[in-house]
C-alpha cells in the first residue's frame, strides 16, 4: 500500500478525516476514498464494532458498556490518533476524527436525515426500523455525553469541518469525487 498520493513522484502528507453520525455513510465513503487514493484507512467505527463482537455484544450493548467503562472510548480514540499520527497519508473515519487529527489536509462531515440513517442501520444490522431508531437515538445521546465529559467536545459543532456533505443527495462514489475535487482546491489533490 502506497504512502504517497498523487502522481507527481514526490511524497506528501495527505490526511483526510471523515466524520458523521451513525448511518450517514462515513465508513462506506472512507473505504472507497482509501482505495481510490491508495492510502490506509483508520476506522474508529470498525474498531468499536470489532471490540463489541469480541465481547459478544451488539453495538448498542457495547455502547452502554462503554458508557460506564471509559477505558473503551479512551482506548479507541488513543489507538486511532496514534495510528493517524504515525501515517504519512491516511483516511481517518470516526465520529471524533475531525477533532482528533489536528494536522488533517481536509476535514469532512457527512450527514443524512435521521429516518434515512435509521433505515440504513436497520438494513445493515438486520433489525426493524423502530429498533434501529431507538438504539441509534440512545447511542447518540450516550456518545454526546461521553464526548463532552472526556474531551469537552460538542459533537454538534460543525465549525471545524472544511466540507459538509448530505449523503441523502449523493451516492458514496459521488461523495468521494466531491472530496477529491475539494482536495484540489486546497492544493492537496
N, C-alpha and C. Protein backbone atom coordinates (compact mmCIF):
# COMPACT_ATOMS: atom_id res chain seq x y z
N UNK A 1 0.84 -1.18 0.00
CA UNK A 1 0.00 0.00 0.00
C UNK A 1 0.88 1.23 0.00
N UNK A 2 0.61 2.15 -0.87
CA UNK A 2 1.42 3.34 -1.03
C UNK A 2 1.15 4.35 0.07
N UNK A 3 2.19 5.01 0.50
CA UNK A 3 2.04 6.09 1.48
C UNK A 3 2.05 7.44 0.78
N UNK A 4 2.07 7.45 -0.53
CA UNK A 4 2.03 8.71 -1.26
C UNK A 4 0.72 8.82 -1.99
N UNK A 5 0.36 10.03 -2.27
CA UNK A 5 -0.87 10.28 -3.02
C UNK A 5 -0.52 11.16 -4.20
N UNK A 6 -1.15 10.88 -5.31
CA UNK A 6 -0.91 11.70 -6.49
C UNK A 6 0.18 11.10 -7.33
N UNK A 7 0.35 11.64 -8.52
CA UNK A 7 1.30 11.07 -9.45
C UNK A 7 2.48 11.95 -9.73
N UNK A 8 2.83 12.86 -8.83
CA UNK A 8 3.93 13.77 -9.10
C UNK A 8 5.29 13.20 -8.73
N UNK A 9 5.30 11.96 -8.20
CA UNK A 9 6.56 11.31 -7.86
C UNK A 9 7.09 11.70 -6.49
N UNK A 10 6.57 12.76 -5.90
CA UNK A 10 7.05 13.19 -4.58
C UNK A 10 6.14 12.67 -3.49
N UNK A 11 6.72 12.52 -2.32
CA UNK A 11 5.94 12.07 -1.18
C UNK A 11 5.38 13.30 -0.47
N UNK A 12 4.09 13.26 -0.18
CA UNK A 12 3.50 14.36 0.57
C UNK A 12 2.43 13.80 1.49
N UNK A 13 2.26 14.47 2.56
CA UNK A 13 1.28 14.05 3.55
C UNK A 13 -0.13 14.36 3.05
N UNK A 14 -1.02 13.40 3.21
CA UNK A 14 -2.41 13.58 2.84
C UNK A 14 -3.26 12.86 3.88
N UNK A 15 -3.81 13.63 4.79
CA UNK A 15 -4.67 13.05 5.84
C UNK A 15 -6.05 13.67 5.70
N UNK A 16 -7.02 12.78 5.54
CA UNK A 16 -8.40 13.20 5.36
C UNK A 16 -9.23 12.57 6.46
N UNK A 17 -9.97 13.40 7.20
CA UNK A 17 -10.87 12.85 8.22
C UNK A 17 -12.29 12.82 7.66
N UNK A 18 -12.99 11.74 7.97
CA UNK A 18 -14.39 11.55 7.56
C UNK A 18 -15.19 11.31 8.83
N UNK A 19 -16.05 12.25 9.18
CA UNK A 19 -16.86 12.14 10.39
C UNK A 19 -18.33 12.23 10.04
N UNK A 20 -19.17 11.79 10.96
CA UNK A 20 -20.61 11.89 10.78
C UNK A 20 -21.32 10.97 11.73
N UNK A 21 -22.61 11.19 11.90
CA UNK A 21 -23.38 10.35 12.82
C UNK A 21 -23.58 8.94 12.26
N UNK A 22 -23.94 7.98 13.13
CA UNK A 22 -24.18 6.61 12.68
C UNK A 22 -25.21 6.56 11.54
N UNK A 23 -24.89 5.75 10.52
CA UNK A 23 -25.80 5.58 9.40
C UNK A 23 -25.70 6.65 8.32
N UNK A 24 -24.76 7.57 8.47
CA UNK A 24 -24.64 8.64 7.46
C UNK A 24 -23.81 8.20 6.25
N UNK A 25 -23.08 7.11 6.39
CA UNK A 25 -22.32 6.59 5.25
C UNK A 25 -20.82 6.84 5.35
N UNK A 26 -20.34 7.22 6.52
CA UNK A 26 -18.92 7.55 6.64
C UNK A 26 -18.00 6.37 6.34
N UNK A 27 -18.35 5.19 6.83
CA UNK A 27 -17.49 4.02 6.62
C UNK A 27 -17.41 3.66 5.14
N UNK A 28 -18.55 3.66 4.47
CA UNK A 28 -18.58 3.34 3.03
C UNK A 28 -17.74 4.33 2.25
N UNK A 29 -17.94 5.61 2.50
CA UNK A 29 -17.19 6.66 1.79
C UNK A 29 -15.70 6.55 2.10
N UNK A 30 -15.36 6.35 3.36
CA UNK A 30 -13.96 6.27 3.75
C UNK A 30 -13.26 5.09 3.07
N UNK A 31 -13.95 3.94 2.98
CA UNK A 31 -13.37 2.76 2.31
C UNK A 31 -13.11 3.04 0.84
N UNK A 32 -14.07 3.63 0.16
CA UNK A 32 -13.91 3.94 -1.27
C UNK A 32 -12.79 4.95 -1.47
N UNK A 33 -12.77 5.99 -0.64
CA UNK A 33 -11.75 7.04 -0.75
C UNK A 33 -10.36 6.47 -0.51
N UNK A 34 -10.23 5.63 0.50
CA UNK A 34 -8.96 4.99 0.81
C UNK A 34 -8.45 4.18 -0.39
N UNK A 35 -9.35 3.40 -1.00
CA UNK A 35 -8.97 2.59 -2.16
C UNK A 35 -8.61 3.47 -3.35
N UNK A 36 -9.41 4.50 -3.59
CA UNK A 36 -9.18 5.37 -4.75
C UNK A 36 -7.86 6.11 -4.64
N UNK A 37 -7.51 6.56 -3.43
CA UNK A 37 -6.27 7.29 -3.22
C UNK A 37 -5.09 6.37 -2.89
N UNK A 38 -5.39 5.09 -2.69
CA UNK A 38 -4.37 4.09 -2.35
C UNK A 38 -3.60 4.48 -1.08
N UNK A 39 -4.36 4.86 -0.06
CA UNK A 39 -3.78 5.18 1.25
C UNK A 39 -4.55 4.42 2.33
N UNK A 40 -3.91 4.15 3.47
CA UNK A 40 -4.55 3.35 4.52
C UNK A 40 -5.81 4.00 5.09
N UNK A 41 -6.72 3.14 5.56
CA UNK A 41 -7.94 3.57 6.24
C UNK A 41 -7.82 3.23 7.72
N UNK A 42 -8.11 4.21 8.56
CA UNK A 42 -8.16 4.02 10.01
C UNK A 42 -9.59 4.32 10.42
N UNK A 43 -10.32 3.31 10.91
CA UNK A 43 -11.75 3.46 11.20
C UNK A 43 -12.06 3.20 12.66
N UNK A 44 -12.50 4.24 13.37
CA UNK A 44 -12.91 4.09 14.77
C UNK A 44 -14.16 3.23 14.87
N UNK A 45 -15.09 3.37 13.94
CA UNK A 45 -16.31 2.58 13.95
C UNK A 45 -16.01 1.10 13.82
N UNK A 46 -15.08 0.76 12.93
CA UNK A 46 -14.70 -0.64 12.77
C UNK A 46 -14.04 -1.16 14.05
N UNK A 47 -13.20 -0.34 14.68
CA UNK A 47 -12.56 -0.74 15.94
C UNK A 47 -13.64 -1.00 17.01
N UNK A 48 -14.63 -0.10 17.10
CA UNK A 48 -15.70 -0.21 18.08
C UNK A 48 -16.53 -1.46 17.83
N UNK A 49 -16.94 -1.69 16.55
CA UNK A 49 -17.74 -2.87 16.21
C UNK A 49 -16.97 -4.16 16.46
N UNK A 50 -15.66 -4.16 16.17
CA UNK A 50 -14.84 -5.34 16.39
C UNK A 50 -14.76 -5.66 17.88
N UNK A 51 -14.55 -4.64 18.71
CA UNK A 51 -14.50 -4.86 20.16
C UNK A 51 -15.84 -5.38 20.68
N UNK A 52 -16.95 -4.85 20.14
CA UNK A 52 -18.28 -5.33 20.54
C UNK A 52 -18.44 -6.81 20.20
N UNK A 53 -18.08 -7.18 18.95
CA UNK A 53 -18.18 -8.59 18.53
C UNK A 53 -17.31 -9.49 19.41
N UNK A 54 -16.08 -9.04 19.70
CA UNK A 54 -15.17 -9.85 20.51
C UNK A 54 -15.74 -10.11 21.90
N UNK A 55 -16.59 -9.20 22.37
CA UNK A 55 -17.19 -9.36 23.69
C UNK A 55 -18.60 -9.95 23.62
N UNK A 56 -19.03 -10.34 22.42
CA UNK A 56 -20.34 -10.95 22.24
C UNK A 56 -21.49 -9.99 22.49
N UNK A 57 -21.28 -8.71 22.17
CA UNK A 57 -22.30 -7.68 22.41
C UNK A 57 -22.73 -7.03 21.11
N UNK A 58 -23.97 -6.50 21.11
CA UNK A 58 -24.39 -5.66 19.99
C UNK A 58 -23.70 -4.30 20.14
N UNK A 59 -23.75 -3.49 19.09
CA UNK A 59 -23.16 -2.15 19.16
C UNK A 59 -23.85 -1.34 20.26
N UNK A 60 -25.18 -1.47 20.36
CA UNK A 60 -25.94 -0.75 21.39
C UNK A 60 -25.52 -1.21 22.79
N UNK A 61 -25.42 -2.52 23.00
CA UNK A 61 -24.99 -3.04 24.30
C UNK A 61 -23.58 -2.58 24.64
N UNK A 62 -22.71 -2.63 23.64
CA UNK A 62 -21.32 -2.22 23.86
C UNK A 62 -21.24 -0.72 24.14
N UNK A 63 -22.10 0.06 23.48
CA UNK A 63 -22.17 1.50 23.75
C UNK A 63 -22.54 1.77 25.20
N UNK A 64 -23.51 1.02 25.71
CA UNK A 64 -23.91 1.16 27.12
C UNK A 64 -22.77 0.72 28.05
N UNK A 65 -22.10 -0.36 27.66
CA UNK A 65 -20.95 -0.83 28.43
C UNK A 65 -19.85 0.24 28.45
N UNK A 66 -19.58 0.83 27.29
CA UNK A 66 -18.54 1.86 27.19
C UNK A 66 -18.90 3.10 28.01
N UNK A 67 -20.21 3.34 28.16
CA UNK A 67 -20.66 4.50 28.94
C UNK A 67 -20.14 4.43 30.37
N UNK A 68 -20.13 3.24 30.94
CA UNK A 68 -19.67 3.10 32.33
C UNK A 68 -18.24 2.56 32.42
N UNK A 69 -17.60 2.37 31.27
CA UNK A 69 -16.21 1.91 31.22
C UNK A 69 -15.43 2.81 30.28
N UNK A 70 -15.00 3.94 30.78
CA UNK A 70 -14.38 4.98 29.95
C UNK A 70 -13.14 4.50 29.22
N UNK A 71 -12.52 3.42 29.72
CA UNK A 71 -11.30 2.96 29.07
C UNK A 71 -11.55 2.51 27.63
N UNK A 72 -12.77 2.10 27.29
CA UNK A 72 -13.08 1.66 25.92
C UNK A 72 -12.93 2.83 24.95
N UNK A 73 -13.64 3.93 25.21
CA UNK A 73 -13.55 5.09 24.34
C UNK A 73 -12.14 5.65 24.30
N UNK A 74 -11.55 5.75 25.46
CA UNK A 74 -10.21 6.32 25.52
C UNK A 74 -9.22 5.46 24.74
N UNK A 75 -9.39 4.13 24.82
CA UNK A 75 -8.52 3.21 24.09
C UNK A 75 -8.71 3.39 22.58
N UNK A 76 -9.95 3.40 22.11
CA UNK A 76 -10.22 3.55 20.68
C UNK A 76 -9.70 4.89 20.17
N UNK A 77 -9.98 5.96 20.91
CA UNK A 77 -9.54 7.29 20.49
C UNK A 77 -8.02 7.39 20.46
N UNK A 78 -7.38 6.82 21.48
CA UNK A 78 -5.91 6.85 21.55
C UNK A 78 -5.31 6.05 20.40
N UNK A 79 -5.86 4.84 20.15
CA UNK A 79 -5.36 4.00 19.06
C UNK A 79 -5.51 4.70 17.71
N UNK A 80 -6.69 5.33 17.50
CA UNK A 80 -6.93 5.99 16.23
C UNK A 80 -5.98 7.18 16.05
N UNK A 81 -5.82 7.98 17.07
CA UNK A 81 -4.95 9.16 17.00
C UNK A 81 -3.50 8.75 16.77
N UNK A 82 -3.02 7.75 17.52
CA UNK A 82 -1.64 7.30 17.37
C UNK A 82 -1.39 6.73 15.98
N UNK A 83 -2.32 5.94 15.49
CA UNK A 83 -2.18 5.36 14.16
C UNK A 83 -2.15 6.45 13.10
N UNK A 84 -3.06 7.43 13.21
CA UNK A 84 -3.11 8.54 12.25
C UNK A 84 -1.83 9.37 12.31
N UNK A 85 -1.33 9.62 13.52
CA UNK A 85 -0.10 10.41 13.67
C UNK A 85 1.10 9.70 13.06
N UNK A 86 1.09 8.37 13.08
CA UNK A 86 2.23 7.61 12.56
C UNK A 86 2.19 7.43 11.04
N UNK A 87 1.06 7.75 10.42
CA UNK A 87 0.93 7.60 8.96
C UNK A 87 1.30 8.88 8.25
N UNK A 88 2.01 8.73 7.14
CA UNK A 88 2.29 9.88 6.28
C UNK A 88 0.99 10.35 5.63
N UNK A 89 0.22 9.37 5.13
CA UNK A 89 -1.06 9.65 4.48
C UNK A 89 -2.07 8.61 4.92
N UNK A 90 -3.32 9.04 5.13
CA UNK A 90 -4.35 8.10 5.54
C UNK A 90 -5.72 8.77 5.48
N UNK A 91 -6.75 7.93 5.45
CA UNK A 91 -8.13 8.36 5.63
C UNK A 91 -8.51 7.92 7.03
N UNK A 92 -8.99 8.86 7.85
CA UNK A 92 -9.33 8.55 9.23
C UNK A 92 -10.83 8.75 9.40
N UNK A 93 -11.55 7.64 9.68
CA UNK A 93 -13.01 7.68 9.78
C UNK A 93 -13.44 7.47 11.21
N UNK A 94 -14.29 8.36 11.70
CA UNK A 94 -14.83 8.21 13.04
C UNK A 94 -15.53 9.48 13.50
N UNK A 95 -16.41 9.33 14.47
CA UNK A 95 -17.17 10.49 14.97
C UNK A 95 -16.25 11.62 15.40
N UNK A 96 -15.12 11.29 16.03
CA UNK A 96 -14.22 12.31 16.56
C UNK A 96 -12.98 12.55 15.71
N UNK A 97 -12.88 11.92 14.56
CA UNK A 97 -11.64 12.03 13.78
C UNK A 97 -11.32 13.47 13.40
N UNK A 98 -12.31 14.26 13.08
CA UNK A 98 -12.07 15.67 12.75
C UNK A 98 -11.51 16.45 13.92
N UNK A 99 -11.84 16.01 15.12
CA UNK A 99 -11.35 16.66 16.34
C UNK A 99 -9.98 16.13 16.74
N UNK A 100 -9.72 14.85 16.46
CA UNK A 100 -8.51 14.20 16.96
C UNK A 100 -7.30 14.37 16.05
N UNK A 101 -7.53 14.49 14.74
CA UNK A 101 -6.43 14.60 13.79
C UNK A 101 -6.24 16.08 13.45
N UNK A 102 -5.35 16.69 14.19
CA UNK A 102 -5.20 18.14 14.08
C UNK A 102 -4.56 18.58 12.77
N UNK A 103 -3.68 17.78 12.21
CA UNK A 103 -2.95 18.17 11.00
C UNK A 103 -3.58 17.61 9.72
N UNK A 104 -4.89 17.47 9.72
CA UNK A 104 -5.59 16.91 8.55
C UNK A 104 -5.53 17.88 7.36
N UNK A 105 -5.36 17.32 6.17
CA UNK A 105 -5.41 18.10 4.94
C UNK A 105 -6.82 18.59 4.67
N UNK A 106 -7.80 17.74 5.01
CA UNK A 106 -9.21 18.06 4.76
C UNK A 106 -10.06 17.34 5.81
N UNK A 107 -10.95 18.09 6.45
CA UNK A 107 -11.87 17.52 7.43
C UNK A 107 -13.27 17.53 6.84
N UNK A 108 -13.86 16.33 6.69
CA UNK A 108 -15.15 16.17 6.03
C UNK A 108 -16.18 15.66 7.04
N UNK A 109 -17.37 16.25 6.98
CA UNK A 109 -18.51 15.76 7.77
C UNK A 109 -19.57 15.29 6.78
N UNK A 110 -20.06 14.08 6.99
CA UNK A 110 -21.15 13.54 6.17
C UNK A 110 -22.36 13.38 7.09
N UNK A 111 -23.51 13.82 6.62
CA UNK A 111 -24.73 13.70 7.43
C UNK A 111 -25.86 13.21 6.53
N UNK A 112 -26.95 12.81 7.15
CA UNK A 112 -28.17 12.39 6.46
C UNK A 112 -29.34 12.62 7.40
N UNK A 113 -30.53 12.70 6.84
CA UNK A 113 -31.74 12.83 7.66
C UNK A 113 -31.82 11.63 8.60
N UNK A 114 -32.39 11.85 9.77
CA UNK A 114 -32.47 10.78 10.77
C UNK A 114 -33.15 9.53 10.23
N UNK A 115 -34.31 9.67 9.58
CA UNK A 115 -35.03 8.49 9.09
C UNK A 115 -34.20 7.70 8.08
N UNK A 116 -33.44 8.40 7.25
CA UNK A 116 -32.57 7.73 6.28
C UNK A 116 -31.49 6.94 7.01
N UNK A 117 -30.91 7.55 8.04
CA UNK A 117 -29.87 6.86 8.81
C UNK A 117 -30.42 5.64 9.52
N UNK A 118 -31.60 5.77 10.13
CA UNK A 118 -32.19 4.64 10.84
C UNK A 118 -32.49 3.48 9.88
N UNK A 119 -32.97 3.81 8.68
CA UNK A 119 -33.25 2.78 7.66
C UNK A 119 -31.96 2.06 7.27
N UNK A 120 -30.90 2.82 7.04
CA UNK A 120 -29.61 2.22 6.66
C UNK A 120 -29.10 1.29 7.76
N UNK A 121 -29.19 1.74 9.00
CA UNK A 121 -28.71 0.94 10.13
C UNK A 121 -29.55 -0.32 10.28
N UNK A 122 -30.88 -0.19 10.14
CA UNK A 122 -31.77 -1.35 10.24
C UNK A 122 -31.40 -2.40 9.18
N UNK A 123 -31.14 -1.94 7.97
CA UNK A 123 -30.77 -2.86 6.89
C UNK A 123 -29.41 -3.50 7.16
N UNK A 124 -28.42 -2.69 7.53
CA UNK A 124 -27.06 -3.17 7.78
C UNK A 124 -27.03 -4.18 8.92
N UNK A 125 -27.80 -3.92 9.98
CA UNK A 125 -27.75 -4.76 11.17
C UNK A 125 -28.90 -5.75 11.25
N UNK A 126 -29.69 -5.83 10.17
CA UNK A 126 -30.78 -6.79 10.06
C UNK A 126 -31.74 -6.72 11.26
N UNK A 127 -32.27 -5.50 11.48
CA UNK A 127 -33.23 -5.29 12.57
C UNK A 127 -34.33 -4.36 12.08
N UNK A 128 -35.38 -4.24 12.85
CA UNK A 128 -36.50 -3.40 12.43
C UNK A 128 -36.11 -1.92 12.48
N UNK A 129 -36.84 -1.12 11.71
CA UNK A 129 -36.62 0.33 11.70
C UNK A 129 -36.77 0.89 13.10
N UNK A 130 -37.83 0.48 13.81
CA UNK A 130 -38.09 1.02 15.15
C UNK A 130 -36.98 0.68 16.14
N UNK A 131 -36.48 -0.54 16.07
CA UNK A 131 -35.37 -0.93 16.96
C UNK A 131 -34.12 -0.13 16.61
N UNK A 132 -33.82 -0.02 15.32
CA UNK A 132 -32.65 0.76 14.88
C UNK A 132 -32.77 2.22 15.32
N UNK A 133 -33.96 2.77 15.19
CA UNK A 133 -34.19 4.16 15.59
C UNK A 133 -33.95 4.33 17.09
N UNK A 134 -34.56 3.49 17.89
CA UNK A 134 -34.44 3.58 19.35
C UNK A 134 -32.98 3.42 19.78
N UNK A 135 -32.32 2.39 19.24
CA UNK A 135 -30.92 2.14 19.62
C UNK A 135 -30.01 3.29 19.18
N UNK A 136 -30.24 3.84 18.00
CA UNK A 136 -29.40 4.92 17.49
C UNK A 136 -29.59 6.20 18.29
N UNK A 137 -30.82 6.53 18.60
CA UNK A 137 -31.08 7.72 19.42
C UNK A 137 -30.39 7.57 20.77
N UNK A 138 -30.53 6.39 21.38
CA UNK A 138 -29.91 6.11 22.66
C UNK A 138 -28.38 6.20 22.56
N UNK A 139 -27.82 5.57 21.54
CA UNK A 139 -26.37 5.57 21.33
C UNK A 139 -25.84 6.99 21.16
N UNK A 140 -26.54 7.80 20.36
CA UNK A 140 -26.07 9.16 20.10
C UNK A 140 -26.10 10.02 21.36
N UNK A 141 -27.10 9.83 22.19
CA UNK A 141 -27.17 10.59 23.45
C UNK A 141 -26.03 10.19 24.38
N UNK A 142 -25.77 8.89 24.47
CA UNK A 142 -24.68 8.39 25.31
C UNK A 142 -23.34 8.94 24.81
N UNK A 143 -23.13 8.86 23.49
CA UNK A 143 -21.87 9.34 22.91
C UNK A 143 -21.70 10.84 23.10
N UNK A 144 -22.77 11.59 22.90
CA UNK A 144 -22.72 13.04 23.06
C UNK A 144 -22.26 13.41 24.47
N UNK A 145 -22.81 12.73 25.46
CA UNK A 145 -22.42 12.96 26.85
C UNK A 145 -20.97 12.57 27.10
N UNK A 146 -20.55 11.41 26.56
CA UNK A 146 -19.16 10.96 26.74
C UNK A 146 -18.17 11.93 26.12
N UNK A 147 -18.45 12.39 24.90
CA UNK A 147 -17.52 13.29 24.21
C UNK A 147 -17.35 14.59 24.98
N UNK A 148 -18.44 15.08 25.55
CA UNK A 148 -18.36 16.31 26.34
C UNK A 148 -17.59 16.03 27.64
N UNK A 149 -17.90 14.91 28.28
CA UNK A 149 -17.28 14.58 29.56
C UNK A 149 -15.77 14.34 29.42
N UNK A 150 -15.36 13.54 28.41
CA UNK A 150 -13.96 13.16 28.28
C UNK A 150 -13.10 14.21 27.60
N UNK A 151 -13.68 14.91 26.62
CA UNK A 151 -12.86 15.80 25.77
C UNK A 151 -13.37 17.24 25.68
N UNK A 152 -14.49 17.54 26.32
CA UNK A 152 -15.14 18.86 26.18
C UNK A 152 -15.43 19.16 24.71
N UNK A 153 -15.85 18.13 23.97
CA UNK A 153 -16.20 18.28 22.56
C UNK A 153 -17.71 18.29 22.42
N UNK A 154 -18.22 19.33 21.76
CA UNK A 154 -19.63 19.39 21.41
C UNK A 154 -19.75 18.82 19.99
N UNK A 155 -20.19 17.59 19.88
CA UNK A 155 -20.24 16.89 18.60
C UNK A 155 -21.18 17.59 17.60
N UNK A 156 -22.07 18.44 18.10
CA UNK A 156 -22.97 19.18 17.21
C UNK A 156 -22.34 20.44 16.63
N UNK A 157 -21.10 20.75 17.01
CA UNK A 157 -20.37 21.90 16.47
C UNK A 157 -19.69 21.48 15.17
N UNK A 158 -20.22 21.94 14.06
CA UNK A 158 -19.69 21.56 12.75
C UNK A 158 -18.67 22.57 12.22
N UNK A 159 -18.30 23.55 13.01
CA UNK A 159 -17.44 24.63 12.52
C UNK A 159 -16.00 24.18 12.23
N UNK A 160 -15.59 23.01 12.69
CA UNK A 160 -14.22 22.55 12.46
C UNK A 160 -14.04 21.93 11.07
N UNK A 161 -15.14 21.66 10.37
CA UNK A 161 -15.07 20.92 9.11
C UNK A 161 -14.86 21.84 7.91
N UNK A 162 -14.07 21.34 6.95
CA UNK A 162 -13.82 22.06 5.71
C UNK A 162 -14.93 21.81 4.69
N UNK A 163 -15.54 20.63 4.77
CA UNK A 163 -16.52 20.21 3.78
C UNK A 163 -17.62 19.42 4.49
N UNK A 164 -18.88 19.79 4.22
CA UNK A 164 -20.03 19.13 4.83
C UNK A 164 -20.94 18.65 3.69
N UNK A 165 -21.23 17.35 3.68
CA UNK A 165 -21.96 16.75 2.56
C UNK A 165 -23.18 15.97 3.07
N UNK A 166 -24.32 16.18 2.42
CA UNK A 166 -25.56 15.48 2.73
C UNK A 166 -25.61 14.19 1.92
N UNK A 167 -25.48 13.04 2.59
CA UNK A 167 -25.46 11.76 1.87
C UNK A 167 -26.84 11.32 1.40
N UNK A 168 -27.90 12.09 1.74
CA UNK A 168 -29.22 11.85 1.14
C UNK A 168 -29.19 12.21 -0.34
N UNK A 169 -28.35 13.15 -0.68
CA UNK A 169 -28.33 13.75 -2.03
C UNK A 169 -27.33 13.13 -2.99
N UNK A 170 -26.33 12.43 -2.45
CA UNK A 170 -25.26 11.90 -3.29
C UNK A 170 -24.97 10.45 -2.94
N UNK A 171 -24.61 9.66 -3.95
CA UNK A 171 -24.17 8.29 -3.74
C UNK A 171 -22.74 8.32 -3.21
N UNK A 172 -22.29 7.26 -2.54
CA UNK A 172 -20.93 7.24 -1.97
C UNK A 172 -19.83 7.60 -2.99
N UNK A 173 -19.92 7.06 -4.20
CA UNK A 173 -18.90 7.35 -5.22
C UNK A 173 -18.90 8.84 -5.58
N UNK A 174 -20.09 9.45 -5.60
CA UNK A 174 -20.18 10.89 -5.89
C UNK A 174 -19.58 11.70 -4.75
N UNK A 175 -19.80 11.26 -3.53
CA UNK A 175 -19.22 11.96 -2.37
C UNK A 175 -17.70 11.89 -2.44
N UNK A 176 -17.16 10.74 -2.80
CA UNK A 176 -15.72 10.59 -2.94
C UNK A 176 -15.20 11.55 -4.01
N UNK A 177 -15.90 11.68 -5.12
CA UNK A 177 -15.49 12.62 -6.18
C UNK A 177 -15.50 14.06 -5.67
N UNK A 178 -16.50 14.40 -4.87
CA UNK A 178 -16.58 15.75 -4.29
C UNK A 178 -15.37 15.99 -3.37
N UNK A 179 -15.04 15.00 -2.56
CA UNK A 179 -13.90 15.13 -1.64
C UNK A 179 -12.60 15.31 -2.42
N UNK A 180 -12.41 14.50 -3.44
CA UNK A 180 -11.18 14.61 -4.25
C UNK A 180 -11.12 15.97 -4.94
N UNK A 181 -12.26 16.46 -5.42
CA UNK A 181 -12.29 17.80 -6.01
C UNK A 181 -11.94 18.86 -4.98
N UNK A 182 -12.46 18.73 -3.77
CA UNK A 182 -12.16 19.69 -2.71
C UNK A 182 -10.67 19.71 -2.38
N UNK A 183 -10.03 18.55 -2.43
CA UNK A 183 -8.59 18.49 -2.19
C UNK A 183 -7.82 19.34 -3.19
N UNK A 184 -8.27 19.36 -4.44
CA UNK A 184 -7.56 20.14 -5.45
C UNK A 184 -7.66 21.63 -5.15
N UNK A 185 -8.75 22.07 -4.54
CA UNK A 185 -8.89 23.49 -4.18
C UNK A 185 -7.97 23.84 -3.00
N UNK A 186 -7.68 22.86 -2.18
CA UNK A 186 -6.80 23.09 -1.02
C UNK A 186 -5.33 22.90 -1.41
N UNK A 187 -5.08 22.53 -2.68
CA UNK A 187 -3.71 22.33 -3.12
C UNK A 187 -3.15 20.97 -2.75
N UNK A 188 -4.03 20.04 -2.35
CA UNK A 188 -3.56 18.71 -1.95
C UNK A 188 -3.98 17.62 -2.93
N UNK A 189 -4.68 17.96 -4.01
CA UNK A 189 -5.18 16.92 -4.89
C UNK A 189 -4.66 17.03 -6.27
